[in-house]
Amino acid sequence: VAESEGKVIVAGHTDDIPIKTIMYRSNWELSSSRAVTVAQFMLEK
């Protein structure tokens, strides 16, 4: 990604099984958190 040009869109996706835990209230939070984790890893470099 660093050697490329253009926007970098990091998008998280889940399946259709609902989730509700202490950390994540829904698949929306889980997919967004996974995308943030990947983006944060690349930004730390």
PDB file of all heavy atoms in Angstrom:
ATOM      1  N   VAL A   1       0.831  -1.202   0.000  1.00  0.00           N
ATOM      2  CA  VAL A   1       0.000   0.000   0.000  1.00  0.00           C
ATOM      3  C   VAL A   1       0.867   1.253   0.000  1.00  0.00           C
ATOM      4  O   VAL A   1       0.546   2.251  -0.664  1.00  0.00           O
ATOM      5  CB  VAL A   1      -0.952  -0.009   1.218  1.00  0.00           C
ATOM      6  CG1 VAL A   1      -1.721   1.304   1.316  1.00  0.00           C
ATOM      7  CG2 VAL A   1      -1.921  -1.178   1.121  1.00  0.00           C
ATOM      8  N   ALA A   2       1.978   1.226   0.728  1.00  0.00           N
ATOM      9  CA  ALA A   2       2.858   2.389   0.784  1.00  0.00           C
ATOM     10  C   ALA A   2       3.463   2.709  -0.570  1.00  0.00           C
ATOM     11  O   ALA A   2       3.725   3.881  -0.885  1.00  0.00           O
ATOM     12  CB  ALA A   2       3.967   2.155   1.816  1.00  0.00           C
ATOM     13  N   GLU A   3       3.689   1.701  -1.395  1.00  0.00           N
ATOM     14  CA  GLU A   3       4.295   1.913  -2.709  1.00  0.00           C
ATOM     15  C   GLU A   3       3.264   2.300  -3.769  1.00  0.00           C
ATOM     16  O   GLU A   3       3.628   2.557  -4.912  1.00  0.00           O
ATOM     17  CB  GLU A   3       5.020   0.642  -3.148  1.00  0.00           C
ATOM     18  CG  GLU A   3       6.224   0.305  -2.269  1.00  0.00           C
ATOM     19  CD  GLU A   3       6.841  -1.027  -2.628  1.00  0.00           C
ATOM     20  OE1 GLU A   3       6.240  -1.757  -3.473  1.00  0.00           O
ATOM     21  OE2 GLU A   3       7.901  -1.362  -2.065  1.00  0.00           O
ATOM     22  N   SER A   4       1.992   2.343  -3.405  1.00  0.00           N
ATOM     23  CA  SER A   4       0.932   2.677  -4.352  1.00  0.00           C
ATOM     24  C   SER A   4       0.524   4.136  -4.188  1.00  0.00           C
ATOM     25  O   SER A   4       1.033   4.848  -3.324  1.00  0.00           O
ATOM     26  CB  SER A   4      -0.274   1.760  -4.129  1.00  0.00           C
ATOM     27  OG  SER A   4      -0.844   2.025  -2.855  1.00  0.00           O
ATOM     28  N   GLU A   5      -0.410   4.571  -5.023  1.00  0.00           N
ATOM     29  CA  GLU A   5      -0.949   5.923  -4.964  1.00  0.00           C
ATOM     30  C   GLU A   5      -2.464   5.851  -4.884  1.00  0.00           C
ATOM     31  O   GLU A   5      -3.079   4.882  -5.317  1.00  0.00           O
ATOM     32  CB  GLU A   5      -0.532   6.741  -6.197  1.00  0.00           C
ATOM     33  CG  GLU A   5       0.963   6.963  -6.313  1.00  0.00           C
ATOM     34  CD  GLU A   5       1.325   7.778  -7.535  1.00  0.00           C
ATOM     35  OE1 GLU A   5       0.388   8.082  -8.322  1.00  0.00           O
ATOM     36  OE2 GLU A   5       2.503   8.102  -7.708  1.00  0.00           O
ATOM     37  N   GLY A   6      -3.062   6.912  -4.323  1.00  0.00           N
ATOM     38  CA  GLY A   6      -4.506   6.984  -4.245  1.00  0.00           C
ATOM     39  C   GLY A   6      -5.008   6.814  -2.823  1.00  0.00           C
ATOM     40  O   GLY A   6      -4.240   6.615  -1.872  1.00  0.00           O
ATOM     41  N   LYS A   7      -6.325   6.896  -2.677  1.00  0.00           N
ATOM     42  CA  LYS A   7      -6.964   6.734  -1.391  1.00  0.00           C
ATOM     43  C   LYS A   7      -6.841   5.293  -0.912  1.00  0.00           C
ATOM     44  O   LYS A   7      -6.824   4.351  -1.709  1.00  0.00           O
ATOM     45  CB  LYS A   7      -8.440   7.120  -1.469  1.00  0.00           C
ATOM     46  CG  LYS A   7      -8.694   8.615  -1.374  1.00  0.00           C
ATOM     47  CD  LYS A   7      -8.487   9.099   0.064  1.00  0.00           C
ATOM     48  CE  LYS A   7      -8.842  10.571   0.202  1.00  0.00           C
ATOM     49  NZ  LYS A   7      -8.597  11.054   1.574  1.00  0.00           N
ATOM     50  N   VAL A   8      -6.786   5.099   0.413  1.00  0.00           N
ATOM     51  CA  VAL A   8      -6.744   3.773   1.022  1.00  0.00           C
ATOM     52  C   VAL A   8      -8.019   3.615   1.843  1.00  0.00           C
ATOM     53  O   VAL A   8      -8.166   4.257   2.886  1.00  0.00           O
ATOM     54  CB  VAL A   8      -5.497   3.574   1.903  1.00  0.00           C
ATOM     55  CG1 VAL A   8      -5.488   2.177   2.495  1.00  0.00           C
ATOM     56  CG2 VAL A   8      -4.232   3.829   1.096  1.00  0.00           C
ATOM     57  N   ILE A   9      -8.927   2.803   1.371  1.00  0.00           N
ATOM     58  CA  ILE A   9     -10.194   2.569   2.059  1.00  0.00           C
ATOM     59  C   ILE A   9     -10.106   1.223   2.763  1.00  0.00           C
ATOM     60  O   ILE A   9      -9.949   0.181   2.117  1.00  0.00           O
ATOM     61  CB  ILE A   9     -11.375   2.576   1.071  1.00  0.00           C
ATOM     62  CG1 ILE A   9     -11.395   3.894   0.278  1.00  0.00           C
ATOM     63  CG2 ILE A   9     -12.698   2.369   1.794  1.00  0.00           C
ATOM     64  CD1 ILE A   9     -12.402   3.902  -0.849  1.00  0.00           C
ATOM     65  N   VAL A  10     -10.202   1.219   4.088  1.00  0.00           N
ATOM     66  CA  VAL A  10     -10.170  -0.005   4.885  1.00  0.00           C
ATOM     67  C   VAL A  10     -11.597  -0.279   5.333  1.00  0.00           C
ATOM     68  O   VAL A  10     -12.171   0.487   6.109  1.00  0.00           O
ATOM     69  CB  VAL A  10      -9.225   0.127   6.090  1.00  0.00           C
ATOM     70  CG1 VAL A  10      -9.130  -1.198   6.831  1.00  0.00           C
ATOM     71  CG2 VAL A  10      -7.840   0.589   5.632  1.00  0.00           C
ATOM     72  N   ALA A  11     -12.182  -1.365   4.835  1.00  0.00           N
ATOM     73  CA  ALA A  11     -13.586  -1.674   5.087  1.00  0.00           C
ATOM     74  C   ALA A  11     -13.718  -3.022   5.764  1.00  0.00           C
ATOM     75  O   ALA A  11     -13.156  -4.022   5.305  1.00  0.00           O
ATOM     76  CB  ALA A  11     -14.376  -1.664   3.773  1.00  0.00           C
ATOM     77  N   GLY A  12     -14.466  -3.057   6.885  1.00  0.00           N
ATOM     78  CA  GLY A  12     -14.720  -4.297   7.606  1.00  0.00           C
ATOM     79  C   GLY A  12     -16.072  -4.879   7.240  1.00  0.00           C
ATOM     80  O   GLY A  12     -17.036  -4.146   7.004  1.00  0.00           O
ATOM     81  N   HIS A  13     -16.145  -6.244   7.173  1.00  0.00           N
ATOM     82  CA  HIS A  13     -17.382  -6.941   6.811  1.00  0.00           C
ATOM     83  C   HIS A  13     -17.558  -8.141   7.740  1.00  0.00           C
ATOM     84  O   HIS A  13     -16.583  -8.765   8.167  1.00  0.00           O
ATOM     85  CB  HIS A  13     -17.337  -7.428   5.361  1.00  0.00           C
ATOM     86  CG  HIS A  13     -17.138  -6.329   4.364  1.00  0.00           C
ATOM     87  ND1 HIS A  13     -18.177  -5.696   3.717  1.00  0.00           N
ATOM     88  CD2 HIS A  13     -15.998  -5.753   3.897  1.00  0.00           C
ATOM     89  CE1 HIS A  13     -17.701  -4.780   2.896  1.00  0.00           C
ATOM     90  NE2 HIS A  13     -16.377  -4.793   2.978  1.00  0.00           N
ATOM     91  N   THR A  14     -18.819  -8.476   8.039  1.00  0.00           N
ATOM     92  CA  THR A  14     -19.143  -9.638   8.865  1.00  0.00           C
ATOM     93  C   THR A  14     -20.188 -10.482   8.147  1.00  0.00           C
ATOM     94  O   THR A  14     -20.668 -10.133   7.071  1.00  0.00           O
ATOM     95  CB  THR A  14     -19.686  -9.201  10.241  1.00  0.00           C
ATOM     96  OG1 THR A  14     -20.938  -8.519  10.045  1.00  0.00           O
ATOM     97  CG2 THR A  14     -18.718  -8.261  10.937  1.00  0.00           C
ATOM     98  N   ASP A  15     -20.577 -11.599   8.789  1.00  0.00           N
ATOM     99  CA  ASP A  15     -21.699 -12.385   8.276  1.00  0.00           C
ATOM    100  C   ASP A  15     -22.997 -11.861   8.866  1.00  0.00           C
ATOM    101  O   ASP A  15     -23.029 -10.801   9.503  1.00  0.00           O
ATOM    102  CB  ASP A  15     -21.486 -13.868   8.581  1.00  0.00           C
ATOM    103  CG  ASP A  15     -21.297 -14.118  10.080  1.00  0.00           C
ATOM    104  OD1 ASP A  15     -21.787 -13.300  10.900  1.00  0.00           O
ATOM    105  OD2 ASP A  15     -20.665 -15.127  10.438  1.00  0.00           O
ATOM    106  N   ASP A  16     -24.080 -12.605   8.661  1.00  0.00           N
ATOM    107  CA  ASP A  16     -25.390 -12.115   9.082  1.00  0.00           C
ATOM    108  C   ASP A  16     -25.819 -12.610  10.449  1.00  0.00           C
ATOM    109  O   ASP A  16     -26.961 -12.373  10.869  1.00  0.00           O
ATOM    110  CB  ASP A  16     -26.441 -12.504   8.044  1.00  0.00           C
ATOM    111  CG  ASP A  16     -26.604 -14.018   7.917  1.00  0.00           C
ATOM    112  OD1 ASP A  16     -25.677 -14.750   8.347  1.00  0.00           O
ATOM    113  OD2 ASP A  16     -27.650 -14.470   7.409  1.00  0.00           O
ATOM    114  N   ILE A  17     -24.959 -13.312  11.172  1.00  0.00           N
ATOM    115  CA  ILE A  17     -25.318 -13.788  12.511  1.00  0.00           C
ATOM    116  C   ILE A  17     -25.197 -12.625  13.484  1.00  0.00           C
ATOM    117  O   ILE A  17     -24.110 -12.042  13.622  1.00  0.00           O
ATOM    118  CB  ILE A  17     -24.408 -14.946  12.946  1.00  0.00           C
ATOM    119  CG1 ILE A  17     -24.590 -16.136  11.985  1.00  0.00           C
ATOM    120  CG2 ILE A  17     -24.705 -15.356  14.388  1.00  0.00           C
ATOM    121  CD1 ILE A  17     -23.698 -17.322  12.291  1.00  0.00           C
ATOM    122  N   PRO A  18     -26.266 -12.246  14.173  1.00  0.00           N
ATOM    123  CA  PRO A  18     -26.190 -11.107  15.091  1.00  0.00           C
ATOM    124  C   PRO A  18     -25.209 -11.361  16.227  1.00  0.00           C
ATOM    125  O   PRO A  18     -25.004 -12.500  16.660  1.00  0.00           O
ATOM    126  CB  PRO A  18     -27.629 -10.977  15.615  1.00  0.00           C
ATOM    127  CG  PRO A  18     -28.471 -11.707  14.627  1.00  0.00           C
ATOM    128  CD  PRO A  18     -27.607 -12.809  14.086  1.00  0.00           C
ATOM    129  N   ILE A  19     -24.590 -10.279  16.695  1.00  0.00           N
ATOM    130  CA  ILE A  19     -23.641 -10.377  17.783  1.00  0.00           C
ATOM    131  C   ILE A  19     -23.951  -9.292  18.802  1.00  0.00           C
ATOM    132  O   ILE A  19     -24.313  -8.168  18.442  1.00  0.00           O
ATOM    133  CB  ILE A  19     -22.183 -10.238  17.276  1.00  0.00           C
ATOM    134  CG1 ILE A  19     -21.200 -10.371  18.447  1.00  0.00           C
ATOM    135  CG2 ILE A  19     -21.977  -8.919  16.561  1.00  0.00           C
ATOM    136  CD1 ILE A  19     -19.752 -10.360  18.006  1.00  0.00           C
ATOM    137  N   LYS A  20     -23.822  -9.664  20.069  1.00  0.00           N
ATOM    138  CA  LYS A  20     -24.038  -8.695  21.140  1.00  0.00           C
ATOM    139  C   LYS A  20     -23.227  -9.146  22.342  1.00  0.00           C
ATOM    140  O   LYS A  20     -23.616 -10.049  23.081  1.00  0.00           O
ATOM    141  CB  LYS A  20     -25.512  -8.567  21.507  1.00  0.00           C
ATOM    142  CG  LYS A  20     -25.792  -7.419  22.483  1.00  0.00           C
ATOM    143  CD  LYS A  20     -27.270  -7.207  22.699  1.00  0.00           C
ATOM    144  CE  LYS A  20     -27.506  -5.998  23.612  1.00  0.00           C
ATOM    145  NZ  LYS A  20     -28.964  -5.760  23.844  1.00  0.00           N
ATOM    146  N   THR A  21     -22.060  -8.534  22.504  1.00  0.00           N
ATOM    147  CA  THR A  21     -21.158  -8.876  23.600  1.00  0.00           C
ATOM    148  C   THR A  21     -20.844  -7.629  24.409  1.00  0.00           C
ATOM    149  O   THR A  21     -21.344  -6.536  24.137  1.00  0.00           O
ATOM    150  CB  THR A  21     -19.851  -9.487  23.046  1.00  0.00           C
ATOM    151  OG1 THR A  21     -19.175  -8.479  22.274  1.00  0.00           O
ATOM    152  CG2 THR A  21     -20.140 -10.684  22.156  1.00  0.00           C
ATOM    153  N   ILE A  22     -19.991  -7.820  25.422  1.00  0.00           N
ATOM    154  CA  ILE A  22     -19.586  -6.680  26.240  1.00  0.00           C
ATOM    155  C   ILE A  22     -18.790  -5.678  25.406  1.00  0.00           C
ATOM    156  O   ILE A  22     -18.930  -4.460  25.563  1.00  0.00           O
ATOM    157  CB  ILE A  22     -18.761  -7.164  27.449  1.00  0.00           C
ATOM    158  CG1 ILE A  22     -19.606  -8.095  28.326  1.00  0.00           C
ATOM    159  CG2 ILE A  22     -18.231  -5.981  28.263  1.00  0.00           C
ATOM    160  CD1 ILE A  22     -18.838  -8.689  29.485  1.00  0.00           C
ATOM    161  N   MET A  23     -17.986  -6.174  24.467  1.00  0.00           N
ATOM    162  CA  MET A  23     -17.142  -5.302  23.651  1.00  0.00           C
ATOM    163  C   MET A  23     -17.896  -4.706  22.472  1.00  0.00           C
ATOM    164  O   MET A  23     -17.708  -3.539  22.138  1.00  0.00           O
ATOM    165  CB  MET A  23     -15.934  -6.082  23.137  1.00  0.00           C
ATOM    166  CG  MET A  23     -14.962  -6.485  24.234  1.00  0.00           C
ATOM    167  SD  MET A  23     -14.102  -5.060  24.940  1.00  0.00           S
ATOM    168  CE  MET A  23     -13.182  -4.491  23.529  1.00  0.00           C
ATOM    169  N   TYR A  24     -18.774  -5.497  21.852  1.00  0.00           N
ATOM    170  CA  TYR A  24     -19.409  -5.049  20.620  1.00  0.00           C
ATOM    171  C   TYR A  24     -20.913  -5.273  20.724  1.00  0.00           C
ATOM    172  O   TYR A  24     -21.393  -6.397  20.951  1.00  0.00           O
ATOM    173  CB  TYR A  24     -18.844  -5.812  19.420  1.00  0.00           C
ATOM    174  CG  TYR A  24     -17.335  -5.775  19.369  1.00  0.00           C
ATOM    175  CD1 TYR A  24     -16.595  -6.920  19.658  1.00  0.00           C
ATOM    176  CD2 TYR A  24     -16.652  -4.605  19.064  1.00  0.00           C
ATOM    177  CE1 TYR A  24     -15.210  -6.885  19.627  1.00  0.00           C
ATOM    178  CE2 TYR A  24     -15.280  -4.558  19.037  1.00  0.00           C
ATOM    179  CZ  TYR A  24     -14.559  -5.700  19.326  1.00  0.00           C
ATOM    180  OH  TYR A  24     -13.200  -5.671  19.319  1.00  0.00           O
ATOM    181  N   ARG A  25     -21.665  -4.229  20.504  1.00  0.00           N
ATOM    182  CA  ARG A  25     -23.121  -4.304  20.595  1.00  0.00           C
ATOM    183  C   ARG A  25     -23.747  -4.887  19.338  1.00  0.00           C
ATOM    184  O   ARG A  25     -24.884  -5.370  19.374  1.00  0.00           O
ATOM    185  CB  ARG A  25     -23.699  -2.905  20.840  1.00  0.00           C
ATOM    186  CG  ARG A  25     -23.342  -2.315  22.204  1.00  0.00           C
ATOM    187  CD  ARG A  25     -23.781  -0.870  22.298  1.00  0.00           C
ATOM    188  NE  ARG A  25     -23.002  -0.020  21.389  1.00  0.00           N
ATOM    189  CZ  ARG A  25     -23.190   1.290  21.267  1.00  0.00           C
ATOM    190  NH1 ARG A  25     -24.170   1.881  21.950  1.00  0.00           N
ATOM    191  NH2 ARG A  25     -22.438   1.988  20.442  1.00  0.00           N
ATOM    192  N   SER A  26     -23.030  -4.830  18.214  1.00  0.00           N
ATOM    193  CA  SER A  26     -23.588  -5.330  16.957  1.00  0.00           C
ATOM    194  C   SER A  26     -22.454  -5.604  15.986  1.00  0.00           C
ATOM    195  O   SER A  26     -21.277  -5.303  16.249  1.00  0.00           O
ATOM    196  CB  SER A  26     -24.567  -4.322  16.351  1.00  0.00           C
ATOM    197  OG  SER A  26     -23.869  -3.138  15.977  1.00  0.00           O
ATOM    198  N   ASN A  27     -22.827  -6.164  14.832  1.00  0.00           N
ATOM    199  CA  ASN A  27     -21.837  -6.405  13.781  1.00  0.00           C
ATOM    200  C   ASN A  27     -21.282  -5.102  13.214  1.00  0.00           C
ATOM    201  O   ASN A  27     -20.189  -5.087  12.634  1.00  0.00           O
ATOM    202  CB  ASN A  27     -22.468  -7.229  12.658  1.00  0.00           C
ATOM    203  CG  ASN A  27     -22.581  -8.698  13.005  1.00  0.00           C
ATOM    204  OD1 ASN A  27     -21.751  -9.239  13.733  1.00  0.00           O
ATOM    205  ND2 ASN A  27     -23.627  -9.357  12.510  1.00  0.00           N
ATOM    206  N   TRP A  28     -22.025  -4.016  13.353  1.00  0.00           N
ATOM    207  CA  TRP A  28     -21.524  -2.723  12.894  1.00  0.00           C
ATOM    208  C   TRP A  28     -20.267  -2.340  13.673  1.00  0.00           C
ATOM    209  O   TRP A  28     -19.270  -1.901  13.082  1.00  0.00           O
ATOM    210  CB  TRP A  28     -22.594  -1.641  13.055  1.00  0.00           C
ATOM    211  CG  TRP A  28     -23.764  -1.812  12.139  1.00  0.00           C
ATOM    212  CD1 TRP A  28     -24.998  -2.306  12.456  1.00  0.00           C
ATOM    213  CD2 TRP A  28     -23.802  -1.506  10.750  1.00  0.00           C
ATOM    214  NE1 TRP A  28     -25.799  -2.332  11.357  1.00  0.00           N
ATOM    215  CE2 TRP A  28     -25.107  -1.833  10.282  1.00  0.00           C
ATOM    216  CE3 TRP A  28     -22.887  -0.987   9.845  1.00  0.00           C
ATOM    217  CZ2 TRP A  28     -25.499  -1.656   8.958  1.00  0.00           C
ATOM    218  CZ3 TRP A  28     -23.282  -0.801   8.530  1.00  0.00           C
ATOM    219  CH2 TRP A  28     -24.557  -1.135   8.094  1.00  0.00           C
ATOM    220  N   GLU A  29     -20.313  -2.494  14.979  1.00  0.00           N
ATOM    221  CA  GLU A  29     -19.132  -2.150  15.782  1.00  0.00           C
ATOM    222  C   GLU A  29     -17.991  -3.123  15.523  1.00  0.00           C
ATOM    223  O   GLU A  29     -16.823  -2.719  15.462  1.00  0.00           O
ATOM    224  CB  GLU A  29     -19.503  -2.151  17.261  1.00  0.00           C
ATOM    225  CG  GLU A  29     -20.346  -0.966  17.695  1.00  0.00           C
ATOM    226  CD  GLU A  29     -20.442  -0.873  19.198  1.00  0.00           C
ATOM    227  OE1 GLU A  29     -19.900  -1.756  19.893  1.00  0.00           O
ATOM    228  OE2 GLU A  29     -21.076   0.087  19.690  1.00  0.00           O
ATOM    229  N   LEU A  30     -18.306  -4.402  15.365  1.00  0.00           N
ATOM    230  CA  LEU A  30     -17.250  -5.386  15.119  1.00  0.00           C
ATOM    231  C   LEU A  30     -16.551  -5.121  13.793  1.00  0.00           C
ATOM    232  O   LEU A  30     -15.311  -5.121  13.720  1.00  0.00           O
ATOM    233  CB  LEU A  30     -17.836  -6.794  15.131  1.00  0.00           C
ATOM    234  CG  LEU A  30     -16.851  -7.933  14.825  1.00  0.00           C
ATOM    235  CD1 LEU A  30     -15.717  -7.952  15.836  1.00  0.00           C
ATOM    236  CD2 LEU A  30     -17.577  -9.279  14.789  1.00  0.00           C
ATOM    237  N   SER A  31     -17.319  -4.889  12.724  1.00  0.00           N
ATOM    238  CA  SER A  31     -16.705  -4.650  11.410  1.00  0.00           C
ATOM    239  C   SER A  31     -15.892  -3.360  11.420  1.00  0.00           C
ATOM    240  O   SER A  31     -14.791  -3.300  10.837  1.00  0.00           O
ATOM    241  CB  SER A  31     -17.780  -4.600  10.328  1.00  0.00           C
ATOM    242  OG  SER A  31     -18.696  -3.538  10.569  1.00  0.00           O
ATOM    243  N   SER A  32     -16.407  -2.323  12.079  1.00  0.00           N
ATOM    244  CA  SER A  32     -15.668  -1.053  12.145  1.00  0.00           C
ATOM    245  C   SER A  32     -14.389  -1.205  12.959  1.00  0.00           C
ATOM    246  O   SER A  32     -13.340  -0.661  12.593  1.00  0.00           O
ATOM    247  CB  SER A  32     -16.556   0.034  12.752  1.00  0.00           C
ATOM    248  OG  SER A  32     -17.723   0.229  11.979  1.00  0.00           O
ATOM    249  N   SER A  33     -14.457  -1.948  14.056  1.00  0.00           N
ATOM    250  CA  SER A  33     -13.271  -2.137  14.906  1.00  0.00           C
ATOM    251  C   SER A  33     -12.181  -2.911  14.180  1.00  0.00           C
ATOM    252  O   SER A  33     -10.993  -2.615  14.306  1.00  0.00           O
ATOM    253  CB  SER A  33     -13.665  -2.858  16.197  1.00  0.00           C
ATOM    254  OG  SER A  33     -14.564  -2.071  16.952  1.00  0.00           O
ATOM    255  N   ARG A  34     -12.580  -3.909  13.422  1.00  0.00           N
ATOM    256  CA  ARG A  34     -11.578  -4.662  12.659  1.00  0.00           C
ATOM    257  C   ARG A  34     -10.916  -3.781  11.600  1.00  0.00           C
ATOM    258  O   ARG A  34      -9.700  -3.873  11.369  1.00  0.00           O
ATOM    259  CB  ARG A  34     -12.239  -5.879  12.007  1.00  0.00           C
ATOM    260  CG  ARG A  34     -12.565  -6.984  12.994  1.00  0.00           C
ATOM    261  CD  ARG A  34     -13.172  -8.201  12.309  1.00  0.00           C
ATOM    262  NE  ARG A  34     -13.326  -9.319  13.236  1.00  0.00           N
ATOM    263  CZ  ARG A  34     -13.829 -10.513  12.921  1.00  0.00           C
ATOM    264  NH1 ARG A  34     -14.246 -10.743  11.678  1.00  0.00           N
ATOM    265  NH2 ARG A  34     -13.918 -11.467  13.827  1.00  0.00           N
ATOM    266  N   ALA A  35     -11.702  -2.934  10.956  1.00  0.00           N
ATOM    267  CA  ALA A  35     -11.128  -2.015   9.975  1.00  0.00           C
ATOM    268  C   ALA A  35     -10.165  -1.040  10.641  1.00  0.00           C
ATOM    269  O   ALA A  35      -9.083  -0.744  10.102  1.00  0.00           O
ATOM    270  CB  ALA A  35     -12.247  -1.254   9.256  1.00  0.00           C
ATOM    271  N   VAL A  36     -10.528  -0.535  11.822  1.00  0.00           N
ATOM    272  CA  VAL A  36      -9.644   0.376  12.547  1.00  0.00           C
ATOM    273  C   VAL A  36      -8.359  -0.329  12.953  1.00  0.00           C
ATOM    274  O   VAL A  36      -7.260   0.247  12.896  1.00  0.00           O
ATOM    275  CB  VAL A  36     -10.374   0.945  13.779  1.00  0.00           C
ATOM    276  CG1 VAL A  36      -9.396   1.708  14.677  1.00  0.00           C
ATOM    277  CG2 VAL A  36     -11.510   1.863  13.349  1.00  0.00           C
ATOM    278  N   THR A  37      -8.453  -1.602  13.367  1.00  0.00           N
ATOM    279  CA  THR A  37      -7.262  -2.354  13.763  1.00  0.00           C
ATOM    280  C   THR A  37      -6.276  -2.480  12.599  1.00  0.00           C
ATOM    281  O   THR A  37      -5.067  -2.274  12.755  1.00  0.00           O
ATOM    282  CB  THR A  37      -7.661  -3.754  14.257  1.00  0.00           C
ATOM    283  OG1 THR A  37      -8.504  -3.626  15.405  1.00  0.00           O
ATOM    284  CG2 THR A  37      -6.434  -4.563  14.635  1.00  0.00           C
ATOM    285  N   VAL A  38      -6.784  -2.818  11.412  1.00  0.00           N
ATOM    286  CA  VAL A  38      -5.915  -2.949  10.237  1.00  0.00           C
ATOM    287  C   VAL A  38      -5.303  -1.598   9.866  1.00  0.00           C
ATOM    288  O   VAL A  38      -4.099  -1.491   9.589  1.00  0.00           O
ATOM    289  CB  VAL A  38      -6.714  -3.538   9.055  1.00  0.00           C
ATOM    290  CG1 VAL A  38      -5.877  -3.498   7.784  1.00  0.00           C
ATOM    291  CG2 VAL A  38      -7.137  -4.966   9.364  1.00  0.00           C
ATOM    292  N   ALA A  39      -6.116  -0.548   9.875  1.00  0.00           N
ATOM    293  CA  ALA A  39      -5.601   0.778   9.522  1.00  0.00           C
ATOM    294  C   ALA A  39      -4.573   1.256  10.535  1.00  0.00           C
ATOM    295  O   ALA A  39      -3.539   1.830  10.164  1.00  0.00           O
ATOM    296  CB  ALA A  39      -6.760   1.774   9.425  1.00  0.00           C
ATOM    297  N   GLN A  40      -4.831   1.013  11.815  1.00  0.00           N
ATOM    298  CA  GLN A  40      -3.893   1.442  12.850  1.00  0.00           C
ATOM    299  C   GLN A  40      -2.558   0.718  12.717  1.00  0.00           C
ATOM    300  O   GLN A  40      -1.494   1.311  12.926  1.00  0.00           O
ATOM    301  CB  GLN A  40      -4.495   1.183  14.241  1.00  0.00           C
ATOM    302  CG  GLN A  40      -3.689   1.762  15.394  1.00  0.00           C
ATOM    303  CD  GLN A  40      -3.608   3.272  15.347  1.00  0.00           C
ATOM    304  OE1 GLN A  40      -4.564   3.929  14.923  1.00  0.00           O
ATOM    305  NE2 GLN A  40      -2.487   3.830  15.758  1.00  0.00           N
ATOM    306  N   PHE A  41      -2.589  -0.557  12.367  1.00  0.00           N
ATOM    307  CA  PHE A  41      -1.345  -1.301  12.168  1.00  0.00           C
ATOM    308  C   PHE A  41      -0.514  -0.664  11.059  1.00  0.00           C
ATOM    309  O   PHE A  41       0.710  -0.486  11.208  1.00  0.00           O
ATOM    310  CB  PHE A  41      -1.651  -2.765  11.834  1.00  0.00           C
ATOM    311  CG  PHE A  41      -0.423  -3.624  11.667  1.00  0.00           C
ATOM    312  CD1 PHE A  41       0.077  -4.350  12.722  1.00  0.00           C
ATOM    313  CD2 PHE A  41       0.236  -3.694  10.441  1.00  0.00           C
ATOM    314  CE1 PHE A  41       1.221  -5.137  12.571  1.00  0.00           C
ATOM    315  CE2 PHE A  41       1.367  -4.470  10.281  1.00  0.00           C
ATOM    316  CZ  PHE A  41       1.858  -5.197  11.352  1.00  0.00           C
ATOM    317  N   MET A  42      -1.159  -0.311   9.941  1.00  0.00           N
ATOM    318  CA  MET A  42      -0.421   0.285   8.823  1.00  0.00           C
ATOM    319  C   MET A  42       0.081   1.682   9.165  1.00  0.00           C
ATOM    320  O   MET A  42       1.179   2.069   8.760  1.00  0.00           O
ATOM    321  CB  MET A  42      -1.314   0.313   7.582  1.00  0.00           C
ATOM    322  CG  MET A  42      -1.610  -1.076   7.022  1.00  0.00           C
ATOM    323  SD  MET A  42      -2.410  -1.040   5.377  1.00  0.00           S
ATOM    324  CE  MET A  42      -4.038  -0.485   5.854  1.00  0.00           C
ATOM    325  N   LEU A  43      -0.702   2.430   9.932  1.00  0.00           N
ATOM    326  CA  LEU A  43      -0.284   3.790  10.280  1.00  0.00           C
ATOM    327  C   LEU A  43       0.887   3.786  11.250  1.00  0.00           C
ATOM    328  O   LEU A  43       1.720   4.700  11.240  1.00  0.00           O
ATOM    329  CB  LEU A  43      -1.457   4.556  10.882  1.00  0.00           C
ATOM    330  CG  LEU A  43      -2.564   4.968   9.895  1.00  0.00           C
ATOM    331  CD1 LEU A  43      -3.747   5.550  10.644  1.00  0.00           C
ATOM    332  CD2 LEU A  43      -2.033   5.969   8.886  1.00  0.00           C
ATOM    333  N   GLU A  44       0.969   2.776  12.112  1.00  0.00           N
ATOM    334  CA  GLU A  44       2.075   2.716  13.075  1.00  0.00           C
ATOM    335  C   GLU A  44       3.421   2.485  12.402  1.00  0.00           C
ATOM    336  O   GLU A  44       4.472   2.732  13.007  1.00  0.00           O
ATOM    337  CB  GLU A  44       1.804   1.614  14.099  1.00  0.00           C
ATOM    338  CG  GLU A  44       0.680   1.962  15.075  1.00  0.00           C
ATOM    339  CD  GLU A  44       0.356   0.817  16.014  1.00  0.00           C
ATOM    340  OE1 GLU A  44       0.910  -0.298  15.793  1.00  0.00           O
ATOM    341  OE2 GLU A  44      -0.439   1.017  16.956  1.00  0.00           O
ATOM    342  N   LYS A  45       3.402   2.017  11.167  1.00  0.00           N
ATOM    343  CA  LYS A  45       4.663   1.807  10.443  1.00  0.00           C
ATOM    344  C   LYS A  45       5.216   3.125   9.881  1.00  0.00           C
ATOM    345  O   LYS A  45       6.349   3.157   9.401  1.00  0.00           O
ATOM    346  CB  LYS A  45       4.437   0.819   9.289  1.00  0.00           C
ATOM    347  CG  LYS A  45       3.964  -0.552   9.749  1.00  0.00           C
ATOM    348  CD  LYS A  45       4.971  -1.208  10.684  1.00  0.00           C
ATOM    349  CE  LYS A  45       4.486  -2.571  11.146  1.00  0.00           C
ATOM    350  NZ  LYS A  45       5.471  -3.240  12.031  1.00  0.00           N
TER     351      LYS A  45
END
